[in-house]
């Protein structure tokens, strides 16, 4: 099983909630990665990256964010 530990808390710029931000993983997902997405440990970002892609997803509202651009827990 793959375990992802990059879940952080931050203030979501969309909903304003202080919420867990799950990491967004790009690329073709393996069966283990699909299982992690089903558990809510990660969000799947697709196979194509464009350079300014979001890094995390708000668990409260689903907004994709670049975590460095929002206030996060230090």
Protein backbone atom coordinates (compact mmCIF):
# COMPACT_ATOMS: atom_id res chain seq x y z
CA UNK A 1 0.00 0.00 0.00
CA UNK A 2 1.18 3.52 -0.82
CA UNK A 3 0.89 6.03 2.03
CA UNK A 4 0.94 9.74 1.27
CA UNK A 5 1.98 12.08 4.08
CA UNK A 6 1.93 15.40 2.22
CA UNK A 7 -1.51 16.36 3.52
CA UNK A 8 -1.28 19.80 5.11
CA UNK A 9 -3.74 22.26 6.59
CA UNK A 10 -4.30 25.66 5.00
CA UNK A 11 -6.95 28.31 4.54
CA UNK A 12 -8.76 27.60 1.29
CA UNK A 13 -8.95 30.66 -0.99
CA UNK A 14 -12.34 29.52 -2.29
CA UNK A 15 -14.35 28.47 0.78
CA UNK A 16 -12.26 30.10 3.52
CA UNK A 17 -12.14 26.90 5.58
CA UNK A 18 -9.07 25.89 7.59
CA UNK A 19 -8.95 22.46 6.00
CA UNK A 20 -6.72 19.56 5.12
CA UNK A 21 -5.23 19.89 1.66
CA UNK A 22 -4.68 16.56 -0.07
CA UNK A 23 -1.75 16.35 -2.53
CA UNK A 24 -2.50 16.24 -6.25
CA UNK A 25 -0.56 13.57 -8.12
CA UNK A 26 0.00 13.82 -11.88
CA UNK A 27 0.73 11.00 -14.31
CA UNK A 28 -0.90 7.72 -15.23
CA UNK A 29 -2.09 6.19 -11.94
CA UNK A 30 -0.99 2.74 -10.80
CA UNK A 31 -3.51 0.47 -9.07
CA UNK A 32 -2.03 1.54 -5.72
CA UNK A 33 -2.43 5.21 -6.60
CA UNK A 34 -6.04 4.61 -7.69
CA UNK A 35 -6.69 2.96 -4.31
CA UNK A 36 -5.13 5.96 -2.51
CA UNK A 37 -7.39 8.29 -4.52
CA UNK A 38 -10.42 6.16 -3.63
CA UNK A 39 -9.47 6.50 0.06
CA UNK A 40 -9.17 10.27 -0.30
CA UNK A 41 -5.44 10.30 0.46
CA UNK A 42 -4.60 12.00 -2.86
CA UNK A 43 -6.33 13.72 -5.75
CA UNK A 44 -5.52 12.69 -9.31
CA UNK A 45 -4.44 15.59 -11.50
CA UNK A 46 -4.33 13.92 -14.89
CA UNK A 47 -1.52 12.93 -17.20
CA UNK A 48 -0.54 16.34 -18.61
CA UNK A 49 1.24 19.06 -16.63
CA UNK A 50 1.34 22.68 -17.80
CA UNK A 51 3.82 24.33 -15.42
CA UNK A 52 1.51 26.25 -13.05
CA UNK A 53 -0.44 23.20 -11.96
CA UNK A 54 -2.15 23.00 -8.57
CA UNK A 55 -0.29 21.08 -5.88
CA UNK A 56 -3.13 20.31 -3.45
CA UNK A 57 -6.92 20.05 -3.22
CA UNK A 58 -9.11 21.38 -0.41
CA UNK A 59 -10.90 18.53 1.36
CA UNK A 60 -13.76 20.87 2.35
CA UNK A 61 -14.79 22.15 -1.10
CA UNK A 62 -12.61 20.38 -3.69
CA UNK A 63 -10.85 23.54 -4.91
CA UNK A 64 -7.45 22.86 -6.50
CA UNK A 65 -4.75 25.21 -5.15
CA UNK A 66 -1.04 25.88 -5.43
CA UNK A 67 -0.25 25.45 -1.75
CA UNK A 68 2.63 27.95 -1.70
CA UNK A 69 0.11 30.64 -2.71
CA UNK A 70 -2.22 30.19 0.26
CA UNK A 71 -1.69 30.56 4.00
CA UNK A 72 -0.59 27.22 5.43
CA UNK A 73 0.30 25.70 8.76
CA UNK A 74 4.05 26.07 9.35
